[in-house]
Amino acid sequence: MFGIKRVAIAAVVGLAVAGGFAVSSAYASKAKEVHELTAALDAKAVQVERLVLQLEEQEAVVDGLLANARATERITAVHFEDVKRELVGVAKVETELIEVMANDDAIKDWAAVLLPGDVKRVFDDSTRAANCDGDEGGEGVAAQSFAESMRTASDGCGNER
């Protein structure tokens, strides 16, 4: 009987050792998996940090562009107001000039003198808008009086003033 006890104890010890190996092997496998997942998580954390830095840089660029756009908008608004003011002044001067030509007899006689076509072309060229690409030569321009030129002056782009 003593032999059976020894065999039973040896079997129990053998099973415990085999079970320990199995548990140890499973633990080692899980430990390795945890280590790999931790390394992958660390790599993803570094990647997230890089992306956050890139996002912050892009936000700074966008903020700068928005500031530039606001400054450009303010400058454009000021320029637009200046242009409107100047156009009102030009319209006032043209209106006064036409009124003087219509009401003053000495100027009526002078304004009724026909201008040669070349002079009219020079007048039209000098009153043409600076941003117009129209290229009108003096050939074929009919003679007109100064008063008619003022009434029918165009901006050189086909737009009557």
Protein backbone atom coordinates (compact mmCIF):
# COMPACT_ATOMS: atom_id res chain seq x y z
CA MET A 1 0.00 0.00 0.00
CA PHE A 2 2.78 2.13 0.64
CA GLY A 3 3.56 1.87 -3.07
CA ILE A 4 0.10 2.97 -4.09
CA LYS A 5 0.35 6.05 -1.89
CA ARG A 6 3.66 6.89 -3.45
CA VAL A 7 2.27 6.47 -6.92
CA ALA A 8 -0.74 8.59 -6.00
CA ILE A 9 1.48 11.29 -4.49
CA ALA A 10 3.78 11.13 -7.52
CA ALA A 11 0.75 11.42 -9.79
CA VAL A 12 -0.58 14.40 -7.84
CA VAL A 13 2.83 16.05 -7.87
CA GLY A 14 3.17 15.28 -11.59
CA LEU A 15 -0.26 16.75 -12.31
CA ALA A 16 0.59 19.81 -10.23
CA VAL A 17 3.85 20.31 -12.08
CA ALA A 18 2.16 19.76 -15.45
CA GLY A 19 -0.64 22.12 -14.43
CA GLY A 20 1.95 24.63 -13.26
CA PHE A 21 3.65 24.44 -16.63
CA ALA A 22 0.31 24.92 -18.35
CA VAL A 23 -0.56 27.85 -16.08
CA SER A 24 2.96 29.21 -16.41
CA SER A 25 2.83 28.85 -20.18
CA ALA A 26 -0.59 30.54 -20.36
CA TYR A 27 0.66 33.30 -18.04
CA ALA A 28 3.76 33.81 -20.17
CA SER A 29 1.59 33.96 -23.28
CA LYS A 30 -0.75 36.50 -21.68
CA ALA A 31 2.18 38.49 -20.31
CA LYS A 32 3.70 38.64 -23.77
CA GLU A 33 0.35 39.71 -25.24
CA VAL A 34 0.00 42.42 -22.55
CA HIS A 35 3.52 43.63 -23.32
CA GLU A 36 2.79 43.79 -27.07
CA LEU A 37 -0.49 45.62 -26.47
CA THR A 38 1.24 48.07 -24.12
CA ALA A 39 3.90 48.75 -26.74
CA ALA A 40 1.19 49.28 -29.39
CA LEU A 41 -0.68 51.60 -27.01
CA ASP A 42 2.51 53.59 -26.37
CA ALA A 43 3.08 53.91 -30.13
CA LYS A 44 -0.50 55.11 -30.61
CA ALA A 45 -0.06 57.62 -27.76
CA VAL A 46 3.04 59.04 -29.49
CA GLN A 47 1.10 59.21 -32.76
CA VAL A 48 -1.78 61.02 -31.02
CA GLU A 49 0.67 63.51 -29.51
CA ARG A 50 2.14 64.22 -32.96
CA LEU A 51 -1.34 64.69 -34.42
CA VAL A 52 -2.30 67.04 -31.58
CA LEU A 53 0.84 69.13 -32.27
CA GLN A 54 0.01 69.21 -35.99
CA LEU A 55 -3.54 70.26 -35.17
CA GLU A 56 -2.31 73.07 -32.93
CA GLU A 57 0.05 74.26 -35.69
CA GLN A 58 -2.78 74.21 -38.22
CA GLU A 59 -5.04 76.11 -35.82
CA ALA A 60 -2.32 78.76 -35.46
CA VAL A 61 -2.06 79.02 -39.26
CA VAL A 62 -5.84 79.33 -39.60
CA ASP A 63 -5.92 81.99 -36.88
CA GLY A 64 -3.25 83.94 -38.75
CA LEU A 65 -5.16 83.65 -42.01
CA LEU A 66 -8.36 84.81 -40.32
CA ALA A 67 -6.53 87.80 -38.85
CA ASN A 68 -5.15 88.65 -42.30
CA ALA A 69 -8.62 88.31 -43.82
CA ARG A 70 -10.11 90.64 -41.18
CA ALA A 71 -7.34 93.20 -41.76
CA THR A 72 -7.85 92.98 -45.53
CA GLU A 73 -11.59 93.41 -45.05
CA ARG A 74 -11.05 96.54 -42.92
CA ILE A 75 -8.61 98.01 -45.45
CA THR A 76 -10.98 97.23 -48.31
CA ALA A 77 -13.90 98.83 -46.48
CA VAL A 78 -11.87 102.00 -45.86
CA HIS A 79 -10.77 102.07 -49.50
CA PHE A 80 -14.34 101.54 -50.67
CA GLU A 81 -15.54 104.45 -48.54
CA ASP A 82 -12.74 106.64 -49.96
CA VAL A 83 -13.71 105.68 -53.52
CA LYS A 84 -17.39 106.41 -52.82
CA ARG A 85 -16.47 109.80 -51.38
CA GLU A 86 -14.32 110.60 -54.42
CA LEU A 87 -17.06 109.50 -56.84
CA VAL A 88 -19.55 111.77 -55.08
CA GLY A 89 -17.07 114.63 -55.44
CA VAL A 90 -16.52 113.89 -59.14
CA ALA A 91 -20.26 113.71 -59.77
CA LYS A 92 -20.74 117.03 -57.98
CA VAL A 93 -18.03 118.71 -60.07
CA GLU A 94 -19.46 117.27 -63.32
CA THR A 95 -22.95 118.45 -62.36
CA GLU A 96 -21.67 121.94 -61.57
CA LEU A 97 -19.72 122.04 -64.85
CA ILE A 98 -22.77 121.00 -66.88
CA GLU A 99 -24.93 123.57 -65.04
CA VAL A 100 -22.39 126.33 -65.72
CA MET A 101 -22.18 125.33 -69.41
CA ALA A 102 -25.96 125.33 -69.66
CA ASN A 103 -26.53 128.67 -67.91
CA ASP A 104 -23.57 130.92 -68.81
CA ASP A 105 -23.87 132.47 -72.30
CA ALA A 106 -20.12 133.01 -72.73
CA ILE A 107 -19.41 129.40 -71.90
CA LYS A 108 -22.31 128.20 -74.08
CA ASP A 109 -20.65 129.77 -77.12
CA TRP A 110 -17.29 128.31 -76.21
CA ALA A 111 -18.76 124.87 -75.41
CA ALA A 112 -20.64 124.77 -78.72
CA VAL A 113 -17.40 124.86 -80.75
CA LEU A 114 -16.88 121.46 -82.37
CA LEU A 115 -13.89 119.51 -81.15
CA PRO A 116 -11.87 117.64 -83.76
CA GLY A 117 -11.99 113.86 -83.52
CA ASP A 118 -8.41 113.63 -82.23
CA VAL A 119 -9.14 116.09 -79.42
CA LYS A 120 -12.27 114.12 -78.52
CA ARG A 121 -10.18 110.93 -78.47
CA VAL A 122 -7.67 112.59 -76.11
CA PHE A 123 -10.54 113.74 -73.90
CA ASP A 124 -12.09 110.26 -73.90
CA ASP A 125 -8.72 108.66 -73.17
CA SER A 126 -8.11 111.01 -70.26
CA THR A 127 -11.51 110.23 -68.74
CA ARG A 128 -11.33 106.46 -69.32
CA ALA A 129 -11.37 104.24 -66.25
CA ALA A 130 -7.89 103.10 -65.31
CA ASN A 131 -8.90 99.44 -65.11
CA CYS A 132 -10.56 99.22 -68.54
CA ASP A 133 -8.87 97.24 -71.29
CA GLY A 134 -10.81 99.01 -74.06
CA ASP A 135 -8.54 100.38 -76.76
CA GLU A 136 -10.37 102.97 -78.81
CA GLY A 137 -8.31 104.75 -81.44
CA GLY A 138 -8.97 108.28 -82.70
CA GLU A 139 -9.83 107.12 -86.21
CA GLY A 140 -13.48 107.46 -87.09
CA VAL A 141 -14.33 109.53 -84.02
CA ALA A 142 -16.92 112.11 -84.97
CA ALA A 143 -16.38 115.74 -84.11
CA GLN A 144 -18.43 116.89 -81.12
CA SER A 145 -18.76 120.02 -79.08
CA PHE A 146 -17.25 120.04 -75.63
CA ALA A 147 -20.75 120.15 -74.13
CA GLU A 148 -21.76 117.04 -76.13
CA SER A 149 -18.57 115.34 -75.03
CA MET A 150 -19.42 116.00 -71.40
CA ARG A 151 -22.97 114.71 -71.81
CA THR A 152 -21.94 111.58 -73.70
CA ALA A 153 -18.56 110.91 -72.19
CA SER A 154 -18.06 107.25 -71.53
CA ASP A 155 -15.66 105.54 -69.23
CA GLY A 156 -13.93 103.95 -72.21
CA CYS A 157 -15.52 100.59 -71.48
CA GLY A 158 -18.78 101.29 -73.27
CA ASN A 159 -20.49 102.62 -70.15
CA GLU A 160 -22.04 106.06 -70.41
CA ARG A 161 -21.34 108.39 -67.52
